[in-house]
Amino acid sequence: MADFRAGERVRVRAVDPEGHTRVPRYVRGQVGRIVECQGRWALADECAAGIAEPRVEPVYTVAFAAGDLWGEGGHEVTVDLWESYIERVREDGA
């Protein structure tokens, strides 16, 4: 079951893991909005590491304001992210 709902604000974890990750650097630490859940998929990081039974997690489409990512642009950028890559944004913004 998905932990996040459409419209919910989330922050991408600012991680720099060893090995493969599907978290683009340009969204790490950024706040976005859940658009929808794309279902549950094997965690790509663990698949790339050769883990025989990788975790299966919900994958979310998350929208970011282009201006927040690059300082300009009036459009949104969407990125598909596994649940372990994101965390809730508290109402006070933290």
PDB file of N, CA and C in Angstrom:
ATOM      1  N   MET A   1       0.842  -1.187   0.000  1.00  0.00           N
ATOM      2  CA  MET A   1       0.000   0.000   0.000  1.00  0.00           C
ATOM      3  C   MET A   1       0.887   1.249   0.000  1.00  0.00           C
ATOM      4  N   ALA A   2       0.488   2.258  -0.719  1.00  0.00           N
ATOM      5  CA  ALA A   2       1.240   3.498  -0.828  1.00  0.00           C
ATOM      6  C   ALA A   2       1.069   4.352   0.433  1.00  0.00           C
ATOM      7  N   ASP A   3       2.172   4.934   0.915  1.00  0.00           N
ATOM      8  CA  ASP A   3       2.124   5.786   2.100  1.00  0.00           C
ATOM      9  C   ASP A   3       1.788   7.233   1.775  1.00  0.00           C
ATOM     10  N   PHE A   4       1.995   7.647   0.533  1.00  0.00           N
ATOM     11  CA  PHE A   4       1.786   9.032   0.145  1.00  0.00           C
ATOM     12  C   PHE A   4       0.589   9.145  -0.790  1.00  0.00           C
ATOM     13  N   ARG A   5      -0.064  10.292  -0.758  1.00  0.00           N
ATOM     14  CA  ARG A   5      -1.262  10.533  -1.563  1.00  0.00           C
ATOM     15  C   ARG A   5      -1.027  11.688  -2.534  1.00  0.00           C
ATOM     16  N   ALA A   6      -1.765  11.687  -3.622  1.00  0.00           N
ATOM     17  CA  ALA A   6      -1.686  12.770  -4.603  1.00  0.00           C
ATOM     18  C   ALA A   6      -1.909  14.114  -3.911  1.00  0.00           C
ATOM     19  N   GLY A   7      -1.078  15.079  -4.255  1.00  0.00           N
ATOM     20  CA  GLY A   7      -1.163  16.416  -3.678  1.00  0.00           C
ATOM     21  C   GLY A   7      -0.283  16.631  -2.467  1.00  0.00           C
ATOM     22  N   GLU A   8       0.183  15.566  -1.845  1.00  0.00           N
ATOM     23  CA  GLU A   8       1.003  15.681  -0.643  1.00  0.00           C
ATOM     24  C   GLU A   8       2.391  16.216  -0.986  1.00  0.00           C
ATOM     25  N   ARG A   9       2.904  17.115  -0.147  1.00  0.00           N
ATOM     26  CA  ARG A   9       4.255  17.662  -0.338  1.00  0.00           C
ATOM     27  C   ARG A   9       5.269  16.718   0.280  1.00  0.00           C
ATOM     28  N   VAL A  10       6.341  16.469  -0.459  1.00  0.00           N
ATOM     29  CA  VAL A  10       7.410  15.587   0.007  1.00  0.00           C
ATOM     30  C   VAL A  10       8.762  16.218  -0.306  1.00  0.00           C
ATOM     31  N   ARG A  11       9.756  15.812   0.448  1.00  0.00           N
ATOM     32  CA  ARG A  11      11.135  16.235   0.206  1.00  0.00           C
ATOM     33  C   ARG A  11      11.930  15.001  -0.226  1.00  0.00           C
ATOM     34  N   VAL A  12      12.748  15.162  -1.232  1.00  0.00           N
ATOM     35  CA  VAL A  12      13.624  14.076  -1.666  1.00  0.00           C
ATOM     36  C   VAL A  12      14.804  14.025  -0.708  1.00  0.00           C
ATOM     37  N   ARG A  13      15.116  12.853  -0.229  1.00  0.00           N
ATOM     38  CA  ARG A  13      16.233  12.704   0.704  1.00  0.00           C
ATOM     39  C   ARG A  13      17.529  13.144   0.014  1.00  0.00           C
ATOM     40  N   ALA A  14      18.326  13.905   0.720  1.00  0.00           N
ATOM     41  CA  ALA A  14      19.598  14.404   0.190  1.00  0.00           C
ATOM     42  C   ALA A  14      20.680  13.378   0.482  1.00  0.00           C
ATOM     43  N   VAL A  15      20.690  12.327  -0.313  1.00  0.00           N
ATOM     44  CA  VAL A  15      21.634  11.232  -0.103  1.00  0.00           C
ATOM     45  C   VAL A  15      22.649  11.178  -1.235  1.00  0.00           C
ATOM     46  N   ASP A  16      23.785  10.597  -0.938  1.00  0.00           N
ATOM     47  CA  ASP A  16      24.811  10.351  -1.948  1.00  0.00           C
ATOM     48  C   ASP A  16      25.329   8.934  -1.713  1.00  0.00           C
ATOM     49  N   PRO A  17      24.496   7.959  -2.047  1.00  0.00           N
ATOM     50  CA  PRO A  17      24.861   6.574  -1.735  1.00  0.00           C
ATOM     51  C   PRO A  17      26.005   6.064  -2.598  1.00  0.00           C
ATOM     52  N   GLU A  18      26.680   5.069  -2.085  1.00  0.00           N
ATOM     53  CA  GLU A  18      27.703   4.385  -2.885  1.00  0.00           C
ATOM     54  C   GLU A  18      26.976   3.526  -3.899  1.00  0.00           C
ATOM     55  N   GLY A  19      27.499   3.430  -5.081  1.00  0.00           N
ATOM     56  CA  GLY A  19      26.877   2.589  -6.083  1.00  0.00           C
ATOM     57  C   GLY A  19      25.752   3.299  -6.802  1.00  0.00           C
ATOM     58  N   HIS A  20      24.939   2.512  -7.471  1.00  0.00           N
ATOM     59  CA  HIS A  20      23.864   3.014  -8.324  1.00  0.00           C
ATOM     60  C   HIS A  20      22.692   3.567  -7.517  1.00  0.00           C
ATOM     61  N   THR A  21      22.123   4.669  -7.988  1.00  0.00           N
ATOM     62  CA  THR A  21      20.862   5.168  -7.445  1.00  0.00           C
ATOM     63  C   THR A  21      20.071   5.811  -8.574  1.00  0.00           C
ATOM     64  N   ARG A  22      18.765   5.755  -8.459  1.00  0.00           N
ATOM     65  CA  ARG A  22      17.892   6.361  -9.456  1.00  0.00           C
ATOM     66  C   ARG A  22      17.389   7.731  -8.996  1.00  0.00           C
ATOM     67  N   VAL A  23      18.037   8.315  -7.984  1.00  0.00           N
ATOM     68  CA  VAL A  23      17.660   9.652  -7.516  1.00  0.00           C
ATOM     69  C   VAL A  23      18.524  10.674  -8.251  1.00  0.00           C
ATOM     70  N   PRO A  24      17.946  11.449  -9.173  1.00  0.00           N
ATOM     71  CA  PRO A  24      18.752  12.458  -9.863  1.00  0.00           C
ATOM     72  C   PRO A  24      19.289  13.496  -8.881  1.00  0.00           C
ATOM     73  N   ARG A  25      20.530  13.913  -9.070  1.00  0.00           N
ATOM     74  CA  ARG A  25      21.132  14.906  -8.172  1.00  0.00           C
ATOM     75  C   ARG A  25      20.324  16.203  -8.116  1.00  0.00           C
ATOM     76  N   TYR A  26      19.728  16.592  -9.238  1.00  0.00           N
ATOM     77  CA  TYR A  26      19.051  17.888  -9.274  1.00  0.00           C
ATOM     78  C   TYR A  26      17.773  17.931  -8.446  1.00  0.00           C
ATOM     79  N   VAL A  27      17.272  16.786  -7.951  1.00  0.00           N
ATOM     80  CA  VAL A  27      16.094  16.823  -7.074  1.00  0.00           C
ATOM     81  C   VAL A  27      16.429  16.495  -5.625  1.00  0.00           C
ATOM     82  N   ARG A  28      17.651  16.094  -5.337  1.00  0.00           N
ATOM     83  CA  ARG A  28      18.007  15.747  -3.955  1.00  0.00           C
ATOM     84  C   ARG A  28      17.877  16.970  -3.050  1.00  0.00           C
ATOM     85  N   GLY A  29      17.130  16.804  -1.962  1.00  0.00           N
ATOM     86  CA  GLY A  29      16.892  17.885  -1.015  1.00  0.00           C
ATOM     87  C   GLY A  29      15.759  18.817  -1.412  1.00  0.00           C
ATOM     88  N   GLN A  30      15.178  18.629  -2.591  1.00  0.00           N
ATOM     89  CA  GLN A  30      14.126  19.515  -3.093  1.00  0.00           C
ATOM     90  C   GLN A  30      12.734  19.049  -2.627  1.00  0.00           C
ATOM     91  N   VAL A  31      11.824  20.003  -2.541  1.00  0.00           N
ATOM     92  CA  VAL A  31      10.436  19.724  -2.170  1.00  0.00           C
ATOM     93  C   VAL A  31       9.596  19.674  -3.436  1.00  0.00           C
ATOM     94  N   GLY A  32       8.783  18.631  -3.530  1.00  0.00           N
ATOM     95  CA  GLY A  32       7.884  18.474  -4.665  1.00  0.00           C
ATOM     96  C   GLY A  32       6.508  18.042  -4.196  1.00  0.00           C
ATOM     97  N   ARG A  33       5.665  17.713  -5.159  1.00  0.00           N
ATOM     98  CA  ARG A  33       4.278  17.339  -4.889  1.00  0.00           C
ATOM     99  C   ARG A  33       3.993  15.990  -5.547  1.00  0.00           C
ATOM    100  N   ILE A  34       3.400  15.080  -4.775  1.00  0.00           N
ATOM    101  CA  ILE A  34       3.020  13.779  -5.320  1.00  0.00           C
ATOM    102  C   ILE A  34       1.933  13.986  -6.371  1.00  0.00           C
ATOM    103  N   VAL A  35       2.158  13.429  -7.564  1.00  0.00           N
ATOM    104  CA  VAL A  35       1.155  13.478  -8.627  1.00  0.00           C
ATOM    105  C   VAL A  35       0.313  12.214  -8.570  1.00  0.00           C
ATOM    106  N   GLU A  36       0.988  11.062  -8.546  1.00  0.00           N
ATOM    107  CA  GLU A  36       0.278   9.783  -8.453  1.00  0.00           C
ATOM    108  C   GLU A  36       1.255   8.668  -8.129  1.00  0.00           C
ATOM    109  N   CYS A  37       0.704   7.546  -7.708  1.00  0.00           N
ATOM    110  CA  CYS A  37       1.501   6.336  -7.468  1.00  0.00           C
ATOM    111  C   CYS A  37       1.469   5.501  -8.739  1.00  0.00           C
ATOM    112  N   GLN A  38       2.625   5.016  -9.160  1.00  0.00           N
ATOM    113  CA  GLN A  38       2.753   4.232 -10.390  1.00  0.00           C
ATOM    114  C   GLN A  38       2.731   2.722 -10.135  1.00  0.00           C
ATOM    115  N   GLY A  39       2.445   2.323  -8.906  1.00  0.00           N
ATOM    116  CA  GLY A  39       2.466   0.904  -8.563  1.00  0.00           C
ATOM    117  C   GLY A  39       3.698   0.573  -7.737  1.00  0.00           C
ATOM    118  N   ARG A  40       3.922  -0.718  -7.552  1.00  0.00           N
ATOM    119  CA  ARG A  40       5.051  -1.187  -6.735  1.00  0.00           C
ATOM    120  C   ARG A  40       6.061  -1.868  -7.644  1.00  0.00           C
ATOM    121  N   TRP A  41       7.330  -1.507  -7.449  1.00  0.00           N
ATOM    122  CA  TRP A  41       8.396  -2.022  -8.300  1.00  0.00           C
ATOM    123  C   TRP A  41       9.617  -2.362  -7.452  1.00  0.00           C
ATOM    124  N   ALA A  42      10.409  -3.304  -7.923  1.00  0.00           N
ATOM    125  CA  ALA A  42      11.660  -3.649  -7.252  1.00  0.00           C
ATOM    126  C   ALA A  42      12.566  -2.415  -7.234  1.00  0.00           C
ATOM    127  N   LEU A  43      13.200  -2.173  -6.098  1.00  0.00           N
ATOM    128  CA  LEU A  43      14.077  -1.019  -5.926  1.00  0.00           C
ATOM    129  C   LEU A  43      15.292  -1.155  -6.850  1.00  0.00           C
ATOM    130  N   ALA A  44      15.399  -0.246  -7.804  1.00  0.00           N
ATOM    131  CA  ALA A  44      16.434  -0.325  -8.840  1.00  0.00           C
ATOM    132  C   ALA A  44      17.845  -0.336  -8.263  1.00  0.00           C
ATOM    133  N   ASP A  45      18.065   0.382  -7.178  1.00  0.00           N
ATOM    134  CA  ASP A  45      19.391   0.430  -6.556  1.00  0.00           C
ATOM    135  C   ASP A  45      19.830  -0.974  -6.133  1.00  0.00           C
ATOM    136  N   GLU A  46      18.902  -1.712  -5.540  1.00  0.00           N
ATOM    137  CA  GLU A  46      19.224  -3.057  -5.060  1.00  0.00           C
ATOM    138  C   GLU A  46      19.342  -4.034  -6.223  1.00  0.00           C
ATOM    139  N   CYS A  47      18.557  -3.835  -7.277  1.00  0.00           N
ATOM    140  CA  CYS A  47      18.692  -4.678  -8.476  1.00  0.00           C
ATOM    141  C   CYS A  47      20.073  -4.495  -9.076  1.00  0.00           C
ATOM    142  N   ALA A  48      20.521  -3.246  -9.185  1.00  0.00           N
ATOM    143  CA  ALA A  48      21.837  -2.951  -9.758  1.00  0.00           C
ATOM    144  C   ALA A  48      22.964  -3.507  -8.899  1.00  0.00           C
ATOM    145  N   ALA A  49      22.728  -3.612  -7.588  1.00  0.00           N
ATOM    146  CA  ALA A  49      23.738  -4.141  -6.671  1.00  0.00           C
ATOM    147  C   ALA A  49      23.758  -5.666  -6.668  1.00  0.00           C
ATOM    148  N   GLY A  50      22.838  -6.283  -7.418  1.00  0.00           N
ATOM    149  CA  GLY A  50      22.817  -7.734  -7.509  1.00  0.00           C
ATOM    150  C   GLY A  50      22.132  -8.423  -6.350  1.00  0.00           C
ATOM    151  N   ILE A  51      21.334  -7.698  -5.584  1.00  0.00           N
ATOM    152  CA  ILE A  51      20.608  -8.300  -4.466  1.00  0.00           C
ATOM    153  C   ILE A  51      19.540  -9.231  -5.038  1.00  0.00           C
ATOM    154  N   ALA A  52      19.565 -10.475  -4.607  1.00  0.00           N
ATOM    155  CA  ALA A  52      18.696 -11.508  -5.183  1.00  0.00           C
ATOM    156  C   ALA A  52      17.211 -11.202  -5.015  1.00  0.00           C
ATOM    157  N   GLU A  53      16.831 -10.664  -3.863  1.00  0.00           N
ATOM    158  CA  GLU A  53      15.436 -10.324  -3.621  1.00  0.00           C
ATOM    159  C   GLU A  53      15.345  -8.864  -3.186  1.00  0.00           C
ATOM    160  N   PRO A  54      15.377  -7.949  -4.153  1.00  0.00           N
ATOM    161  CA  PRO A  54      15.328  -6.531  -3.799  1.00  0.00           C
ATOM    162  C   PRO A  54      13.989  -6.154  -3.181  1.00  0.00           C
ATOM    163  N   ARG A  55      14.026  -5.094  -2.367  1.00  0.00           N
ATOM    164  CA  ARG A  55      12.780  -4.571  -1.804  1.00  0.00           C
ATOM    165  C   ARG A  55      11.853  -4.141  -2.925  1.00  0.00           C
ATOM    166  N   VAL A  56      10.573  -4.305  -2.709  1.00  0.00           N
ATOM    167  CA  VAL A  56       9.556  -3.837  -3.649  1.00  0.00           C
ATOM    168  C   VAL A  56       8.836  -2.685  -2.950  1.00  0.00           C
ATOM    169  N   GLU A  57       8.837  -1.523  -3.605  1.00  0.00           N
ATOM    170  CA  GLU A  57       8.277  -0.317  -2.997  1.00  0.00           C
ATOM    171  C   GLU A  57       7.363   0.399  -3.987  1.00  0.00           C
ATOM    172  N   PRO A  58       6.455   1.221  -3.449  1.00  0.00           N
ATOM    173  CA  PRO A  58       5.683   2.091  -4.336  1.00  0.00           C
ATOM    174  C   PRO A  58       6.611   3.084  -5.037  1.00  0.00           C
ATOM    175  N   VAL A  59       6.282   3.389  -6.287  1.00  0.00           N
ATOM    176  CA  VAL A  59       7.004   4.398  -7.058  1.00  0.00           C
ATOM    177  C   VAL A  59       6.018   5.527  -7.333  1.00  0.00           C
ATOM    178  N   TYR A  60       6.444   6.757  -7.059  1.00  0.00           N
ATOM    179  CA  TYR A  60       5.580   7.928  -7.196  1.00  0.00           C
ATOM    180  C   TYR A  60       6.098   8.861  -8.276  1.00  0.00           C
ATOM    181  N   THR A  61       5.179   9.441  -9.025  1.00  0.00           N
ATOM    182  CA  THR A  61       5.529  10.563  -9.879  1.00  0.00           C
ATOM    183  C   THR A  61       5.454  11.799  -8.999  1.00  0.00           C
ATOM    184  N   VAL A  62       6.561  12.539  -8.924  1.00  0.00           N
ATOM    185  CA  VAL A  62       6.653  13.734  -8.089  1.00  0.00           C
ATOM    186  C   VAL A  62       6.936  14.926  -9.002  1.00  0.00           C
ATOM    187  N   ALA A  63       6.160  15.993  -8.830  1.00  0.00           N
ATOM    188  CA  ALA A  63       6.323  17.205  -9.637  1.00  0.00           C
ATOM    189  C   ALA A  63       7.097  18.261  -8.851  1.00  0.00           C
ATOM    190  N   PHE A  64       8.010  18.926  -9.549  1.00  0.00           N
ATOM    191  CA  PHE A  64       8.832  19.995  -8.977  1.00  0.00           C
ATOM    192  C   PHE A  64       8.689  21.231  -9.858  1.00  0.00           C
ATOM    193  N   ALA A  65       8.646  22.402  -9.250  1.00  0.00           N
ATOM    194  CA  ALA A  65       8.643  23.643 -10.023  1.00  0.00           C
ATOM    195  C   ALA A  65      10.023  23.811 -10.649  1.00  0.00           C
ATOM    196  N   ALA A  66      10.066  24.015 -11.950  1.00  0.00           N
ATOM    197  CA  ALA A  66      11.345  24.185 -12.644  1.00  0.00           C
ATOM    198  C   ALA A  66      12.151  25.330 -12.027  1.00  0.00           C
ATOM    199  N   GLY A  67      11.473  26.387 -11.634  1.00  0.00           N
ATOM    200  CA  GLY A  67      12.154  27.521 -11.016  1.00  0.00           C
ATOM    201  C   GLY A  67      12.864  27.146  -9.726  1.00  0.00           C
ATOM    202  N   ASP A  68      12.294  26.205  -8.965  1.00  0.00           N
ATOM    203  CA  ASP A  68      12.941  25.748  -7.735  1.00  0.00           C
ATOM    204  C   ASP A  68      14.194  24.928  -8.042  1.00  0.00           C
ATOM    205  N   LEU A  69      14.166  24.201  -9.132  1.00  0.00           N
ATOM    206  CA  LEU A  69      15.308  23.344  -9.486  1.00  0.00           C
ATOM    207  C   LEU A  69      16.432  24.117 -10.159  1.00  0.00           C
ATOM    208  N   TRP A  70      16.059  25.040 -11.074  1.00  0.00           N
ATOM    209  CA  TRP A  70      17.073  25.689 -11.910  1.00  0.00           C
ATOM    210  C   TRP A  70      17.052  27.205 -11.872  1.00  0.00           C
ATOM    211  N   GLY A  71      16.179  27.790 -11.025  1.00  0.00           N
ATOM    212  CA  GLY A  71      16.146  29.232 -10.896  1.00  0.00           C
ATOM    213  C   GLY A  71      15.348  29.942 -11.971  1.00  0.00           C
ATOM    214  N   GLU A  72      14.783  29.199 -12.901  1.00  0.00           N
ATOM    215  CA  GLU A  72      13.950  29.798 -13.943  1.00  0.00           C
ATOM    216  C   GLU A  72      13.021  28.740 -14.515  1.00  0.00           C
ATOM    217  N   GLY A  73      12.045  29.199 -15.264  1.00  0.00           N
ATOM    218  CA  GLY A  73      11.088  28.287 -15.885  1.00  0.00           C
ATOM    219  C   GLY A  73       9.768  28.290 -15.141  1.00  0.00           C
ATOM    220  N   GLY A  74       8.688  28.414 -15.891  1.00  0.00           N
ATOM    221  CA  GLY A  74       7.364  28.443 -15.291  1.00  0.00           C
ATOM    222  C   GLY A  74       6.639  27.118 -15.378  1.00  0.00           C
ATOM    223  N   HIS A  75       7.346  26.066 -15.710  1.00  0.00           N
ATOM    224  CA  HIS A  75       6.725  24.755 -15.875  1.00  0.00           C
ATOM    225  C   HIS A  75       7.117  23.828 -14.722  1.00  0.00           C
ATOM    226  N   GLU A  76       6.546  22.630 -14.745  1.00  0.00           N
ATOM    227  CA  GLU A  76       6.896  21.612 -13.755  1.00  0.00           C
ATOM    228  C   GLU A  76       7.737  20.526 -14.412  1.00  0.00           C
ATOM    229  N   VAL A  77       8.559  19.918 -13.588  1.00  0.00           N
ATOM    230  CA  VAL A  77       9.378  18.778 -13.988  1.00  0.00           C
ATOM    231  C   VAL A  77       8.900  17.597 -13.155  1.00  0.00           C
ATOM    232  N   THR A  78       8.624  16.465 -13.788  1.00  0.00           N
ATOM    233  CA  THR A  78       8.201  15.292 -13.023  1.00  0.00           C
ATOM    234  C   THR A  78       9.292  14.234 -13.055  1.00  0.00           C
ATOM    235  N   VAL A  79       9.428  13.549 -11.919  1.00  0.00           N
ATOM    236  CA  VAL A  79      10.423  12.493 -11.744  1.00  0.00           C
ATOM    237  C   VAL A  79       9.739  11.333 -11.024  1.00  0.00           C
ATOM    238  N   ASP A  80       9.990  10.116 -11.462  1.00  0.00           N
ATOM    239  CA  ASP A  80       9.468   8.937 -10.771  1.00  0.00           C
ATOM    240  C   ASP A  80      10.474   8.513  -9.704  1.00  0.00           C
ATOM    241  N   LEU A  81       9.998   8.410  -8.462  1.00  0.00           N
ATOM    242  CA  LEU A  81      10.870   8.133  -7.316  1.00  0.00           C
ATOM    243  C   LEU A  81      10.299   7.021  -6.445  1.00  0.00           C
ATOM    244  N   TRP A  82      11.167   6.128  -5.996  1.00  0.00           N
ATOM    245  CA  TRP A  82      10.766   5.080  -5.064  1.00  0.00           C
ATOM    246  C   TRP A  82      10.479   5.708  -3.700  1.00  0.00           C
ATOM    247  N   GLU A  83       9.614   5.043  -2.942  1.00  0.00           N
ATOM    248  CA  GLU A  83       9.165   5.567  -1.655  1.00  0.00           C
ATOM    249  C   GLU A  83      10.319   5.846  -0.688  1.00  0.00           C
ATOM    250  N   SER A  84      11.347   5.006  -0.684  1.00  0.00           N
ATOM    251  CA  SER A  84      12.456   5.214   0.262  1.00  0.00           C
ATOM    252  C   SER A  84      13.292   6.442  -0.074  1.00  0.00           C
ATOM    253  N   TYR A  85      13.067   7.056  -1.232  1.00  0.00           N
ATOM    254  CA  TYR A  85      13.800   8.265  -1.626  1.00  0.00           C
ATOM    255  C   TYR A  85      13.165   9.545  -1.091  1.00  0.00           C
ATOM    256  N   ILE A  86      11.932   9.455  -0.585  1.00  0.00           N
ATOM    257  CA  ILE A  86      11.204  10.667  -0.209  1.00  0.00           C
ATOM    258  C   ILE A  86      10.741  10.612   1.244  1.00  0.00           C
ATOM    259  N   GLU A  87      10.441  11.801   1.776  1.00  0.00           N
ATOM    260  CA  GLU A  87       9.915  11.910   3.135  1.00  0.00           C
ATOM    261  C   GLU A  87       8.878  13.023   3.169  1.00  0.00           C
ATOM    262  N   ARG A  88       8.000  12.956   4.135  1.00  0.00           N
ATOM    263  CA  ARG A  88       6.949  13.982   4.283  1.00  0.00           C
ATOM    264  C   ARG A  88       7.563  15.323   4.636  1.00  0.00           C
ATOM    265  N   VAL A  89       6.923  16.370   4.158  1.00  0.00           N
ATOM    266  CA  VAL A  89       7.273  17.730   4.563  1.00  0.00           C
ATOM    267  C   VAL A  89       6.288  18.123   5.643  1.00  0.00           C
ATOM    268  N   ARG A  90       6.809  18.515   6.795  1.00  0.00           N
ATOM    269  CA  ARG A  90       5.926  18.944   7.881  1.00  0.00           C
ATOM    270  C   ARG A  90       5.226  20.238   7.503  1.00  0.00           C
ATOM    271  N   GLU A  91       4.131  20.520   8.164  1.00  0.00           N
ATOM    272  CA  GLU A  91       3.361  21.727   7.850  1.00  0.00           C
ATOM    273  C   GLU A  91       4.178  22.995   8.052  1.00  0.00           C
ATOM    274  N   ASP A  92       5.185  22.959   8.933  1.00  0.00           N
ATOM    275  CA  ASP A  92       6.015  24.154   9.139  1.00  0.00           C
ATOM    276  C   ASP A  92       7.129  24.256   8.078  1.00  0.00           C
ATOM    277  N   GLY A  93       7.110  23.320   7.092  1.00  0.00           N
ATOM    278  CA  GLY A  93       8.058  23.367   5.986  1.00  0.00           C
ATOM    279  C   GLY A  93       9.331  22.568   6.195  1.00  0.00           C
ATOM    280  N   ALA A  94       9.535  22.055   7.395  1.00  0.00           N
ATOM    281  CA  ALA A  94      10.766  21.306   7.684  1.00  0.00           C
ATOM    282  C   ALA A  94      10.668  19.867   7.250  1.00  0.00           C
TER     283      ALA A  94
END
